[in-house]
Amino acid sequence: MRLDELLEELQARINAARGTRDRVHSLLEAVVSVGRELDLSQVLRRIVEAAALLVDAQYAALGVIGPGGEGLSQFLTVGVTEEEKRRIGPLPAGHGLLGELIRNPEPLRLTDLGGHPASYGFPPHHPPMHTFLGVPIRVRDEVFGNLYLTDKRGGQDFDAEDESVITTLSVAAGVAIDNARLYEASRVQQRWLQANTEVTNSLLSGSPRLDVLELIARRAQEITRARLADVSVPVPGTGNLVVELALGAGAEARRGVVEQAGDTLSGAACDRGTPVTTPGLTDDSRWKGEVRGDEPLGPAVAVPLGNAAEGVRGVLLLARAVGESPFSEEELAPLLAFAGQATVALELAERRRDAEQLALLEDRDRIARDLHDLAIQRLFATGLTLQSAGRLVEHGGAAERISRAVGDLDETIKIIRSTIFGLRVRDEEAGSSLRARAARAVGEAAAALGFPPRLSMEGLLDTDVPPQVADHVMAALGETLSNAARHARATRVEVSLRATADEIVLTVTDDGVGIPDGGRRSGLRNLAERAAGVGGRSAVERPDGGGSRIVWCAPLAPAPALS
């Protein structure tokens, strides 16, 4: 009998040794499996699957602690079906018992998790759970997340050996997570360097400013996995920003949006000169008043292009989808360096524009000098010759024709002199001219329309149009552009300003919805009253291709007084 007992005890110890050997072997396989992966999402999935397998748990989860150590930013599960996840609803945020391990990162074993003081039950449709084992995962000196295991198969409690196995796995998991993060960081850094090189080559090749900005926004969108990327630039003299470029979700709705500097996320970044982040853009109050896309947006960051000391030239806004991870400090560092490339692009574009403006002014001065030295002198000499010849012509009809030709030459000389004056006028002197005012008004309308209107000007606008009439013309132009922006829903607007010998004609054409019958016509009535006040007229036409055409005319000479 004693021998049988000894044999049974020996067999039990052999079985225990075999079990321990098998478990150690399984643990080593799990460690190797976890360490083999370099993609962080795959590493996390392998960890939670290996943990459930090692301790024979029915349910397992891995919660990644969010920034600042508050709540969970990710929650991966094993044992819960997709249908059960859908019925349960939103994933845990890290409260209750799950938050206990966040607050006290030490292993925790429970026979009945419902009996713990920090537990306050499960949401509806959640499967029942009883036994519990929780172990923190540390990466270097910080707690990265926690492993949660429940309901050991066979109805047994998790024991000290289970805790030791999962603790050992958590150490290997921390190393694997650190390696995966370093690998991902090196890949991202390489992509930022490639993008910087691409932007630099684009700058040096002389690409247009908007093309370089689009390249910057597109690369930033790709590297940060953003659903929306847009670039806003300040509108001079207004304190507002206009979205000049937008890519991704809701891009069509974003282009051309005018934002007040202090009320939006981009405006806050522009005012402070530092990046501004939000965990959810759609739910952020600073998104109020901006055009939203059909898709809600999650974590976002607005990065200034430039700094507060030297002036912010624009803001790059990046927004991820709902549920994505927030922008971390590690992501902001290369993003700020990349934003510096956008600042260089904007500054270089300004320098090129200044150089082109200088070349244009020099070219204008040369043309004006040539017109004065060659054209006017020859025309004047020709006029004198014709005038002398007219005295020798006895035929009345021929003399009259020569006299008209001399008059035409005098009028041509006046036109050329006006052109010379326009070419040589300084920019600050030209700022109050009708041409400059019209060009400025049309340019500013691009923000409200979402696209730049086409502008054509003809005639002696700066010399033959009286100042009072010019003021009425500008008021009429502003009214028509405002109507087009608010009501027309147009994709193209053309503005024509033409001065003839007798009148000035303003024509604004769009391809929008046209003037609705029975709609409000206060704007059209204002145009008609303003035209009548200066002896002119205003008319609304329907082009063959759709849309509307508004023609506003005013005489250049004062209207005769009524007797």
Protein backbone atom coordinates (compact mmCIF):
# COMPACT_ATOMS: atom_id res chain seq x y z
CA MET A 1 0.00 0.00 0.00
CA ARG A 2 2.81 2.38 0.90
CA LEU A 3 4.49 1.63 -2.44
CA ASP A 4 1.27 2.42 -4.35
CA GLU A 5 0.98 5.74 -2.57
CA LEU A 6 4.56 6.61 -3.42
CA LEU A 7 4.01 5.66 -7.05
CA GLU A 8 0.85 7.80 -7.26
CA GLU A 9 2.70 10.75 -5.67
CA LEU A 10 5.57 10.28 -8.12
CA GLN A 11 3.15 10.16 -11.04
CA ALA A 12 1.46 13.35 -9.82
CA ARG A 13 4.79 15.12 -9.57
CA ILE A 14 5.73 13.87 -13.03
CA ASN A 15 2.43 15.18 -14.40
CA ALA A 16 2.98 18.50 -12.64
CA ALA A 17 6.49 18.73 -14.06
CA ARG A 18 5.14 17.93 -17.51
CA GLY A 19 2.45 20.57 -17.06
CA THR A 20 5.01 23.10 -15.96
CA ARG A 21 7.25 22.16 -18.87
CA ASP A 22 4.37 22.49 -21.33
CA ARG A 23 3.36 25.80 -19.82
CA VAL A 24 6.90 27.14 -19.96
CA HIS A 25 7.12 25.95 -23.53
CA SER A 26 3.82 27.69 -24.34
CA LEU A 27 5.08 30.84 -22.62
CA LEU A 28 8.30 30.78 -24.65
CA GLU A 29 6.29 30.30 -27.86
CA ALA A 30 4.06 33.22 -26.88
CA VAL A 31 7.07 35.45 -26.16
CA VAL A 32 8.63 34.55 -29.52
CA SER A 33 5.32 35.07 -31.32
CA VAL A 34 4.80 38.49 -29.73
CA GLY A 35 8.38 39.61 -30.34
CA ARG A 36 8.32 38.55 -33.98
CA GLU A 37 5.87 41.27 -35.03
CA LEU A 38 6.91 44.86 -35.81
CA ASP A 39 3.50 46.36 -36.55
CA LEU A 40 2.11 47.75 -33.27
CA SER A 41 -1.51 46.78 -33.94
CA GLN A 42 -0.45 43.20 -34.70
CA VAL A 43 1.74 43.10 -31.59
CA LEU A 44 -1.17 44.14 -29.37
CA ARG A 45 -3.44 41.56 -30.96
CA ARG A 46 -0.86 38.79 -30.46
CA ILE A 47 -0.40 39.77 -26.80
CA VAL A 48 -4.06 39.53 -25.87
CA GLU A 49 -4.54 36.27 -27.79
CA ALA A 50 -1.45 34.71 -26.16
CA ALA A 51 -2.58 35.81 -22.68
CA ALA A 52 -5.99 34.14 -23.09
CA LEU A 53 -4.34 30.94 -24.34
CA LEU A 54 -1.73 30.73 -21.58
CA VAL A 55 -4.18 30.86 -18.64
CA ASP A 56 -7.12 29.26 -20.49
CA ALA A 57 -9.31 32.34 -20.06
CA GLN A 58 -12.64 32.58 -21.89
CA TYR A 59 -12.41 36.35 -22.23
CA ALA A 60 -9.34 38.59 -22.53
CA ALA A 61 -8.77 42.26 -23.26
CA LEU A 62 -5.92 44.72 -23.56
CA GLY A 63 -6.59 48.34 -22.68
CA VAL A 64 -4.15 51.00 -23.87
CA ILE A 65 -3.99 53.96 -21.49
CA GLY A 66 -4.68 57.30 -23.12
CA PRO A 67 -2.55 60.47 -22.97
CA GLY A 68 -2.06 61.85 -19.49
CA GLY A 69 -2.91 58.50 -17.89
CA GLU A 70 -6.66 59.17 -18.03
CA GLY A 71 -8.94 56.49 -19.45
CA LEU A 72 -8.37 54.04 -22.27
CA SER A 73 -7.62 55.09 -25.82
CA GLN A 74 -7.78 51.52 -27.25
CA PHE A 75 -9.51 48.34 -26.11
CA LEU A 76 -8.80 45.01 -27.85
CA THR A 77 -10.86 41.96 -26.91
CA VAL A 78 -10.78 38.17 -27.35
CA GLY A 79 -13.82 35.93 -26.79
CA VAL A 80 -16.49 38.56 -27.52
CA THR A 81 -18.14 38.22 -30.93
CA GLU A 82 -18.70 41.15 -33.29
CA GLU A 83 -22.45 40.86 -32.76
CA GLU A 84 -21.96 41.05 -28.99
CA LYS A 85 -19.70 44.10 -29.40
CA ARG A 86 -22.35 45.81 -31.52
CA ARG A 87 -25.06 45.12 -28.95
CA ILE A 88 -22.90 46.23 -25.99
CA GLY A 89 -22.20 49.60 -27.59
CA PRO A 90 -19.23 51.91 -26.99
CA LEU A 91 -16.00 50.35 -25.73
CA PRO A 92 -14.98 50.87 -22.08
CA ALA A 93 -13.40 54.22 -21.26
CA GLY A 94 -11.43 53.00 -18.23
CA HIS A 95 -13.83 53.51 -15.33
CA GLY A 96 -14.83 51.07 -12.59
CA LEU A 97 -12.68 48.00 -12.11
CA LEU A 98 -10.74 48.65 -15.33
CA GLY A 99 -9.77 52.04 -13.98
CA GLU A 100 -8.58 50.47 -10.73
CA LEU A 101 -5.54 49.04 -12.53
CA ILE A 102 -4.90 52.41 -14.15
CA ARG A 103 -4.86 54.09 -10.74
CA ASN A 104 -2.96 51.22 -9.04
CA PRO A 105 -0.79 49.45 -11.65
CA GLU A 106 -0.27 46.19 -9.74
CA PRO A 107 -1.46 42.62 -10.48
CA LEU A 108 -5.00 41.98 -9.27
CA ARG A 109 -6.76 38.60 -8.83
CA LEU A 110 -10.44 38.26 -7.89
CA THR A 111 -12.74 35.31 -7.34
CA ASP A 112 -15.78 37.47 -8.16
CA LEU A 113 -15.08 40.76 -9.87
CA GLY A 114 -18.58 41.98 -9.05
CA GLY A 115 -17.68 42.01 -5.38
CA HIS A 116 -14.83 44.52 -5.74
CA PRO A 117 -15.64 48.03 -4.44
CA ALA A 118 -14.57 49.64 -7.74
CA SER A 119 -16.93 47.48 -9.80
CA TYR A 120 -20.34 48.87 -10.70
CA GLY A 121 -21.71 46.23 -13.02
CA PHE A 122 -21.85 45.61 -16.74
CA PRO A 123 -23.71 47.43 -19.51
CA PRO A 124 -26.78 45.75 -21.08
CA HIS A 125 -26.12 42.74 -23.33
CA HIS A 126 -22.66 42.24 -21.78
CA PRO A 127 -21.79 38.55 -21.17
CA PRO A 128 -21.59 37.60 -17.45
CA MET A 129 -18.06 37.42 -16.00
CA HIS A 130 -16.84 36.28 -12.58
CA THR A 131 -13.18 35.40 -11.98
CA PHE A 132 -10.69 38.11 -12.86
CA LEU A 133 -6.94 38.58 -13.38
CA GLY A 134 -5.45 41.96 -14.26
CA VAL A 135 -1.78 42.71 -14.95
CA PRO A 136 -0.20 46.02 -16.07
CA ILE A 137 2.11 46.21 -19.10
CA ARG A 138 5.08 48.53 -18.63
CA VAL A 139 7.12 50.00 -21.45
CA ARG A 140 10.38 51.30 -20.00
CA ASP A 141 9.33 53.51 -17.07
CA GLU A 142 5.68 54.08 -17.98
CA VAL A 143 2.54 51.94 -17.82
CA PHE A 144 1.43 51.41 -21.42
CA GLY A 145 -1.76 49.48 -20.66
CA ASN A 146 -3.32 46.57 -18.82
CA LEU A 147 -4.18 42.94 -19.56
CA TYR A 148 -7.63 41.91 -18.31
CA LEU A 149 -8.56 38.19 -18.19
CA THR A 150 -11.86 36.76 -16.93
CA ASP A 151 -13.59 33.39 -16.46
CA LYS A 152 -10.92 30.68 -16.38
CA ARG A 153 -12.34 27.64 -18.16
CA GLY A 154 -13.52 24.82 -15.94
CA GLY A 155 -14.89 27.25 -13.36
CA GLN A 156 -11.56 27.53 -11.53
CA ASP A 157 -10.03 30.64 -10.03
CA PHE A 158 -6.89 32.23 -11.44
CA ASP A 159 -4.02 31.16 -9.21
CA ALA A 160 -0.57 32.52 -8.38
CA GLU A 161 0.99 30.53 -11.21
CA ASP A 162 -1.42 32.16 -13.70
CA GLU A 163 -0.46 35.56 -12.33
CA SER A 164 3.26 34.70 -12.65
CA VAL A 165 2.82 33.53 -16.27
CA ILE A 166 0.88 36.65 -17.32
CA THR A 167 3.33 38.90 -15.47
CA THR A 168 6.20 37.26 -17.39
CA LEU A 169 4.26 37.71 -20.64
CA SER A 170 3.65 41.38 -19.81
CA VAL A 171 7.42 41.97 -19.50
CA ALA A 172 8.01 40.44 -22.93
CA ALA A 173 5.02 42.38 -24.24
CA GLY A 174 6.53 45.64 -23.02
CA VAL A 175 9.75 44.95 -24.92
CA ALA A 176 7.82 43.98 -28.07
CA ILE A 177 5.65 47.11 -27.86
CA ASP A 178 8.72 49.30 -27.39
CA ASN A 179 10.40 47.72 -30.43
CA ALA A 180 7.26 48.15 -32.53
CA ARG A 181 6.95 51.79 -31.50
CA LEU A 182 10.62 52.47 -32.31
CA TYR A 183 10.22 50.77 -35.68
CA GLU A 184 7.09 52.76 -36.44
CA ALA A 185 8.79 55.99 -35.36
CA SER A 186 11.76 55.31 -37.65
CA ARG A 187 9.42 54.61 -40.57
CA VAL A 188 7.45 57.79 -39.93
CA GLN A 189 10.67 59.78 -39.61
CA GLN A 190 11.83 58.40 -42.93
CA ARG A 191 8.55 59.38 -44.56
CA TRP A 192 8.82 62.93 -43.14
CA LEU A 193 12.37 63.20 -44.54
CA GLN A 194 11.19 62.00 -47.96
CA ALA A 195 8.33 64.48 -47.88
CA ASN A 196 10.69 67.31 -46.90
CA THR A 197 12.95 66.41 -49.82
CA GLU A 198 9.98 66.35 -52.19
CA VAL A 199 8.77 69.75 -51.01
CA THR A 200 12.29 71.23 -51.28
CA ASN A 201 12.66 69.96 -54.85
CA SER A 202 9.26 71.42 -55.70
CA LEU A 203 10.28 74.79 -54.24
CA LEU A 204 13.60 74.86 -56.11
CA SER A 205 11.94 73.88 -59.39
CA GLY A 206 9.77 77.00 -59.27
CA SER A 207 6.40 75.26 -58.84
CA PRO A 208 3.41 77.57 -58.24
CA ARG A 209 2.66 78.45 -54.64
CA LEU A 210 -0.70 76.63 -54.56
CA ASP A 211 0.85 73.45 -55.98
CA VAL A 212 3.49 73.42 -53.25
CA LEU A 213 0.87 73.99 -50.56
CA GLU A 214 -1.21 71.12 -51.94
CA LEU A 215 1.85 68.87 -51.88
CA ILE A 216 2.53 69.81 -48.23
CA ALA A 217 -1.08 69.21 -47.18
CA ARG A 218 -1.30 65.90 -49.06
CA ARG A 219 1.91 64.48 -47.57
CA ALA A 220 0.94 65.59 -44.06
CA GLN A 221 -2.47 63.97 -44.55
CA GLU A 222 -0.92 60.69 -45.70
CA ILE A 223 1.70 60.45 -42.95
CA THR A 224 -0.65 61.37 -40.08
CA ARG A 225 -3.54 59.27 -41.45
CA ALA A 226 -5.81 62.32 -41.45
CA ARG A 227 -9.25 62.30 -43.05
CA LEU A 228 -9.17 66.05 -43.66
CA ALA A 229 -6.28 68.40 -44.39
CA ASP A 230 -6.69 72.07 -45.20
CA VAL A 231 -4.61 75.24 -45.31
CA SER A 232 -6.04 78.58 -44.15
CA VAL A 233 -4.36 81.92 -44.86
CA PRO A 234 -5.01 85.33 -43.28
CA VAL A 235 -7.13 87.84 -45.18
CA PRO A 236 -5.19 91.14 -44.98
CA GLY A 237 -6.84 93.88 -42.97
CA THR A 238 -9.79 91.76 -41.76
CA GLY A 239 -8.49 89.55 -38.94
CA ASN A 240 -10.09 86.56 -40.67
CA LEU A 241 -8.78 83.38 -42.27
CA VAL A 242 -9.92 81.88 -45.55
CA VAL A 243 -9.54 78.16 -46.36
CA GLU A 244 -7.45 78.31 -49.51
CA LEU A 245 -6.91 74.56 -49.91
CA ALA A 246 -8.72 71.46 -48.60
CA LEU A 247 -8.21 67.73 -49.16
CA GLY A 248 -10.15 64.70 -47.97
CA ALA A 249 -13.48 64.41 -46.16
CA GLY A 250 -15.69 67.47 -46.64
CA ALA A 251 -13.04 69.22 -48.75
CA GLU A 252 -15.56 70.74 -51.16
CA ALA A 253 -17.49 72.30 -48.29
CA ARG A 254 -14.32 73.61 -46.66
CA ARG A 255 -12.79 75.44 -49.62
CA GLY A 256 -13.38 79.18 -49.47
CA VAL A 257 -14.77 79.15 -45.91
CA VAL A 258 -14.02 82.39 -44.03
CA GLU A 259 -13.18 81.92 -40.34
CA GLN A 260 -12.84 84.48 -37.60
CA ALA A 261 -9.36 84.26 -36.12
CA GLY A 262 -10.32 83.80 -32.48
CA ASP A 263 -13.36 81.52 -32.83
CA THR A 264 -11.98 78.44 -34.59
CA LEU A 265 -9.27 75.86 -34.08
CA SER A 266 -7.23 77.27 -36.98
CA GLY A 267 -7.84 80.80 -35.70
CA ALA A 268 -6.59 79.87 -32.23
CA ALA A 269 -3.39 78.43 -33.71
CA CYS A 270 -2.95 81.59 -35.80
CA ASP A 271 -3.39 83.86 -32.75
CA ARG A 272 -1.08 81.88 -30.46
CA GLY A 273 1.52 80.88 -33.02
CA THR A 274 1.60 77.37 -31.47
CA PRO A 275 -0.17 74.07 -32.33
CA VAL A 276 -3.68 73.57 -30.95
CA THR A 277 -5.19 70.08 -30.56
CA THR A 278 -8.62 68.67 -29.82
CA PRO A 279 -9.74 65.07 -29.10
CA GLY A 280 -12.83 65.48 -31.31
CA LEU A 281 -13.14 68.20 -33.94
CA THR A 282 -16.84 67.76 -34.74
CA ASP A 283 -17.77 68.04 -31.06
CA ASP A 284 -15.38 70.94 -30.39
CA SER A 285 -17.03 74.33 -29.82
CA ARG A 286 -14.28 75.94 -31.90
CA TRP A 287 -15.68 74.07 -34.92
CA LYS A 288 -18.94 76.02 -34.57
CA GLY A 289 -19.82 78.14 -37.58
CA GLU A 290 -17.52 76.25 -39.94
CA VAL A 291 -18.84 74.17 -42.81
CA ARG A 292 -18.96 70.50 -41.79
CA GLY A 293 -18.62 67.53 -44.08
CA ASP A 294 -21.02 64.58 -44.07
CA GLU A 295 -18.55 62.55 -42.01
CA PRO A 296 -17.88 63.40 -38.33
CA LEU A 297 -14.25 64.10 -37.53
CA GLY A 298 -12.25 63.02 -34.49
CA PRO A 299 -8.83 64.08 -33.14
CA ALA A 300 -7.41 67.15 -34.87
CA VAL A 301 -4.46 69.52 -34.72
CA ALA A 302 -4.00 73.01 -36.16
CA VAL A 303 -0.35 73.86 -36.86
CA PRO A 304 0.68 77.47 -37.59
CA LEU A 305 2.84 78.13 -40.63
CA GLY A 306 5.30 80.58 -39.11
CA ASN A 307 5.50 82.01 -35.61
CA ALA A 308 3.91 84.82 -33.66
CA ALA A 309 7.10 86.94 -33.68
CA GLU A 310 7.58 86.99 -37.46
CA GLY A 311 3.90 86.61 -38.35
CA VAL A 312 1.82 83.53 -39.12
CA ARG A 313 1.39 83.08 -42.86
CA GLY A 314 -1.21 80.33 -42.61
CA VAL A 315 -2.49 77.34 -40.63
CA LEU A 316 -2.39 73.64 -41.53
CA LEU A 317 -5.38 71.73 -40.07
CA LEU A 318 -5.34 67.92 -39.86
CA ALA A 319 -8.29 65.87 -38.59
CA ARG A 320 -8.53 62.10 -38.14
CA ALA A 321 -11.62 59.91 -38.19
CA VAL A 322 -13.67 59.37 -35.04
CA GLY A 323 -12.11 56.67 -32.86
CA GLU A 324 -8.54 57.26 -34.07
CA SER A 325 -5.78 58.07 -31.58
CA PRO A 326 -5.20 61.74 -30.64
CA PHE A 327 -2.14 63.60 -31.93
CA SER A 328 0.71 62.94 -29.50
CA GLU A 329 3.71 65.08 -28.60
CA GLU A 330 5.93 62.67 -30.56
CA GLU A 331 3.84 63.34 -33.70
CA LEU A 332 3.83 67.10 -33.26
CA ALA A 333 7.63 67.47 -33.35
CA PRO A 334 8.15 66.31 -36.98
CA LEU A 335 4.88 67.94 -37.98
CA LEU A 336 6.16 71.32 -36.77
CA ALA A 337 9.38 70.85 -38.73
CA PHE A 338 7.36 69.96 -41.80
CA ALA A 339 5.16 73.03 -41.31
CA GLY A 340 8.34 75.07 -41.56
CA GLN A 341 8.59 73.90 -45.17
CA ALA A 342 5.15 75.37 -45.82
CA THR A 343 6.30 78.64 -44.28
CA VAL A 344 9.29 78.68 -46.62
CA ALA A 345 6.96 77.98 -49.55
CA LEU A 346 4.71 80.93 -48.67
CA GLU A 347 7.67 83.25 -48.07
CA LEU A 348 9.35 82.21 -51.30
CA ALA A 349 6.08 82.78 -53.17
CA GLU A 350 5.91 86.29 -51.72
CA ARG A 351 9.49 87.01 -52.80
CA ARG A 352 8.75 85.74 -56.29
CA ARG A 353 5.64 87.89 -56.45
CA ASP A 354 7.67 90.94 -55.38
CA ALA A 355 10.28 90.17 -58.04
CA GLU A 356 7.59 89.75 -60.67
CA GLN A 357 5.96 93.00 -59.56
CA LEU A 358 9.30 94.82 -59.80
CA ALA A 359 9.90 93.41 -63.28
CA LEU A 360 6.37 94.43 -64.26
CA LEU A 361 6.88 97.98 -63.03
CA GLU A 362 10.17 98.23 -64.91
CA ASP A 363 8.48 96.91 -68.03
CA ARG A 364 5.63 99.38 -67.62
CA ASP A 365 8.09 102.25 -67.29
CA ARG A 366 9.88 101.16 -70.47
CA ILE A 367 6.61 100.91 -72.39
CA ALA A 368 5.48 104.31 -71.11
CA ARG A 369 8.79 105.85 -72.14
CA ASP A 370 8.57 104.31 -75.60
CA LEU A 371 4.98 105.50 -76.04
CA HIS A 372 5.94 109.01 -75.01
CA ASP A 373 9.15 109.24 -77.01
CA LEU A 374 7.96 107.49 -80.17
CA ALA A 375 4.21 107.12 -80.54
CA ILE A 376 3.04 110.49 -79.21
CA GLN A 377 5.72 112.48 -81.05
CA ARG A 378 4.97 110.77 -84.36
CA LEU A 379 1.23 111.15 -83.94
CA PHE A 380 1.66 114.82 -83.04
CA ALA A 381 3.89 115.39 -86.08
CA THR A 382 1.39 113.58 -88.28
CA GLY A 383 -1.42 115.75 -86.91
CA LEU A 384 0.53 118.93 -87.63
CA THR A 385 1.26 117.76 -91.17
CA LEU A 386 -2.41 116.95 -91.82
CA GLN A 387 -3.49 120.24 -90.30
CA SER A 388 -1.10 122.15 -92.62
CA ALA A 389 -2.21 120.12 -95.60
CA GLY A 390 -5.86 120.81 -94.80
CA ARG A 391 -5.33 124.50 -95.49
CA LEU A 392 -4.21 123.67 -99.04
CA VAL A 393 -7.19 121.45 -99.85
CA GLU A 394 -9.94 123.31 -101.64
CA HIS A 395 -12.45 120.43 -101.78
CA GLY A 396 -14.85 120.87 -98.85
CA GLY A 397 -15.45 117.14 -98.24
CA ALA A 398 -11.74 116.32 -98.28
CA ALA A 399 -10.93 119.19 -95.93
CA GLU A 400 -13.62 118.00 -93.52
CA ARG A 401 -12.19 114.46 -93.56
CA ILE A 402 -8.70 115.76 -92.83
CA SER A 403 -10.07 117.83 -89.98
CA ARG A 404 -11.78 114.74 -88.52
CA ALA A 405 -8.56 112.77 -88.86
CA VAL A 406 -6.68 115.49 -86.97
CA GLY A 407 -9.36 115.36 -84.25
CA ASP A 408 -9.04 111.58 -84.05
CA LEU A 409 -5.28 111.91 -83.70
CA ASP A 410 -5.72 114.38 -80.85
CA GLU A 411 -8.12 111.97 -79.12
CA THR A 412 -5.67 109.11 -79.64
CA ILE A 413 -2.88 111.19 -78.10
CA LYS A 414 -5.11 111.81 -75.06
CA ILE A 415 -5.77 108.07 -74.72
CA ILE A 416 -2.08 107.25 -74.94
CA ARG A 417 -1.22 109.93 -72.38
CA SER A 418 -3.85 108.45 -70.03
CA THR A 419 -2.33 105.01 -70.57
CA ILE A 420 1.15 106.37 -69.84
CA PHE A 421 -0.16 107.92 -66.64
CA GLY A 422 -1.70 104.60 -65.63
CA LEU A 423 1.51 102.73 -66.35
CA ARG A 424 3.70 105.09 -64.36
CA VAL A 425 1.43 105.70 -61.38
CA ARG A 426 2.82 104.37 -58.10
CA ASP A 427 1.01 101.49 -56.37
CA GLU A 428 0.00 103.61 -53.39
CA GLU A 429 -1.38 106.28 -55.74
CA ALA A 430 -3.21 103.66 -57.77
CA GLY A 431 -4.87 102.20 -54.70
CA SER A 432 -7.74 104.72 -54.90
CA SER A 433 -8.20 104.38 -58.68
CA LEU A 434 -11.30 102.66 -60.01
CA ARG A 435 -9.27 99.89 -61.60
CA ALA A 436 -7.47 99.11 -58.36
CA ARG A 437 -10.65 99.31 -56.28
CA ALA A 438 -12.50 96.97 -58.66
CA ALA A 439 -9.63 94.47 -58.73
CA ARG A 440 -9.43 94.53 -54.93
CA ALA A 441 -13.20 94.01 -54.53
CA VAL A 442 -13.20 91.08 -56.94
CA GLY A 443 -10.21 89.52 -55.19
CA GLU A 444 -11.83 89.82 -51.77
CA ALA A 445 -15.05 88.24 -53.10
CA ALA A 446 -13.15 84.99 -53.72
CA ALA A 447 -13.33 84.18 -50.00
CA ALA A 448 -17.14 84.30 -49.92
CA LEU A 449 -17.63 82.65 -53.32
CA GLY A 450 -15.10 79.89 -52.76
CA PHE A 451 -13.34 80.64 -56.06
CA PRO A 452 -11.86 83.74 -57.75
CA PRO A 453 -14.18 85.55 -60.21
CA ARG A 454 -12.90 86.51 -63.65
CA LEU A 455 -12.39 90.25 -64.20
CA SER A 456 -11.97 92.21 -67.40
CA MET A 457 -11.67 96.03 -67.62
CA GLU A 458 -11.69 98.22 -70.70
CA GLY A 459 -11.54 101.94 -71.40
CA LEU A 460 -10.35 105.04 -69.56
CA LEU A 461 -11.69 104.01 -66.17
CA ASP A 462 -9.27 106.13 -64.12
CA THR A 463 -9.51 109.35 -66.13
CA ASP A 464 -12.99 109.60 -67.68
CA VAL A 465 -15.10 108.24 -64.80
CA PRO A 466 -15.96 110.97 -62.26
CA PRO A 467 -15.26 110.09 -58.59
CA GLN A 468 -18.97 110.23 -57.67
CA VAL A 469 -19.86 107.79 -60.43
CA ALA A 470 -16.93 105.55 -59.48
CA ASP A 471 -18.31 105.31 -55.92
CA HIS A 472 -21.70 104.20 -57.28
CA VAL A 473 -19.98 101.67 -59.55
CA MET A 474 -18.12 100.13 -56.60
CA ALA A 475 -21.31 99.98 -54.53
CA ALA A 476 -23.11 98.23 -57.40
CA LEU A 477 -20.20 95.81 -57.86
CA GLY A 478 -20.22 94.93 -54.16
CA GLU A 479 -23.98 94.35 -54.22
CA THR A 480 -23.87 92.04 -57.23
CA LEU A 481 -20.95 89.99 -55.89
CA SER A 482 -22.65 89.67 -52.50
CA ASN A 483 -25.86 88.46 -54.15
CA ALA A 484 -23.91 85.90 -56.18
CA ALA A 485 -22.17 84.58 -53.06
CA ARG A 486 -25.31 84.33 -50.93
CA HIS A 487 -27.98 83.18 -53.38
CA ALA A 488 -26.63 82.09 -56.75
CA ARG A 489 -24.80 78.86 -55.74
CA ALA A 490 -22.57 79.51 -58.75
CA THR A 491 -19.31 77.88 -59.77
CA ARG A 492 -18.25 80.67 -62.13
CA VAL A 493 -18.65 84.46 -61.95
CA GLU A 494 -17.43 86.90 -64.60
CA VAL A 495 -17.15 90.65 -64.02
CA SER A 496 -16.78 93.13 -66.89
CA LEU A 497 -16.16 96.85 -66.36
CA ARG A 498 -16.11 98.96 -69.54
CA ALA A 499 -15.92 102.72 -70.04
CA THR A 500 -17.12 104.09 -73.40
CA ALA A 501 -17.19 107.67 -74.58
CA ASP A 502 -20.60 108.23 -72.95
CA GLU A 503 -21.12 105.77 -70.12
CA ILE A 504 -19.62 103.12 -67.85
CA VAL A 505 -21.10 99.63 -68.04
CA LEU A 506 -20.78 97.02 -65.26
CA THR A 507 -21.76 93.45 -66.20
CA VAL A 508 -21.76 90.56 -63.71
CA THR A 509 -22.57 87.09 -65.07
CA ASP A 510 -22.85 83.81 -63.13
CA ASP A 511 -23.81 80.20 -63.89
CA GLY A 512 -25.91 79.74 -60.76
CA VAL A 513 -29.59 79.05 -60.17
CA GLY A 514 -30.74 82.36 -61.64
CA ILE A 515 -33.18 84.88 -60.18
CA PRO A 516 -36.16 82.94 -58.71
CA ASP A 517 -39.67 84.15 -59.48
CA GLY A 518 -41.35 85.63 -56.45
CA GLY A 519 -38.15 85.70 -54.40
CA ARG A 520 -36.70 88.64 -52.46
CA ARG A 521 -35.50 91.37 -54.78
CA SER A 522 -34.23 93.96 -52.33
CA GLY A 523 -30.71 93.75 -53.80
CA LEU A 524 -31.95 94.23 -57.37
CA ARG A 525 -34.15 97.13 -56.23
CA ASN A 526 -31.13 98.79 -54.61
CA LEU A 527 -29.19 98.45 -57.87
CA ALA A 528 -32.02 99.98 -59.87
CA GLU A 529 -32.46 102.88 -57.45
CA ARG A 530 -28.73 103.57 -57.41
CA ALA A 531 -28.59 103.59 -61.22
CA ALA A 532 -31.60 105.89 -61.46
CA GLY A 533 -29.98 108.26 -58.99
CA VAL A 534 -27.13 108.96 -61.42
CA GLY A 535 -29.28 108.92 -64.53
CA GLY A 536 -28.38 105.34 -65.46
CA ARG A 537 -30.19 102.03 -65.72
CA SER A 538 -30.04 98.49 -64.39
CA ALA A 539 -31.30 95.28 -66.01
CA VAL A 540 -31.42 91.56 -65.21
CA GLU A 541 -30.97 89.07 -68.06
CA ARG A 542 -31.06 85.27 -68.35
CA PRO A 543 -28.16 83.91 -70.42
CA ASP A 544 -28.84 80.99 -72.75
CA GLY A 545 -26.64 78.68 -70.68
CA GLY A 546 -28.49 79.43 -67.41
CA GLY A 547 -27.64 81.58 -64.45
CA SER A 548 -28.10 85.34 -64.49
CA ARG A 549 -26.54 88.47 -65.95
CA ILE A 550 -26.85 91.88 -64.27
CA VAL A 551 -26.06 94.94 -66.40
CA TRP A 552 -25.62 98.27 -64.57
CA CYS A 553 -24.90 101.47 -66.53
CA ALA A 554 -24.26 105.10 -65.59
CA PRO A 555 -23.53 108.12 -67.83
CA LEU A 556 -20.11 109.74 -67.54
CA ALA A 557 -21.56 113.25 -67.89
CA PRO A 558 -24.01 114.58 -65.25
CA ALA A 559 -27.65 113.98 -66.14
CA PRO A 560 -29.47 117.15 -67.36
CA ALA A 561 -31.66 118.78 -64.77
CA LEU A 562 -35.41 118.40 -65.28
CA SER A 563 -37.22 121.69 -66.00
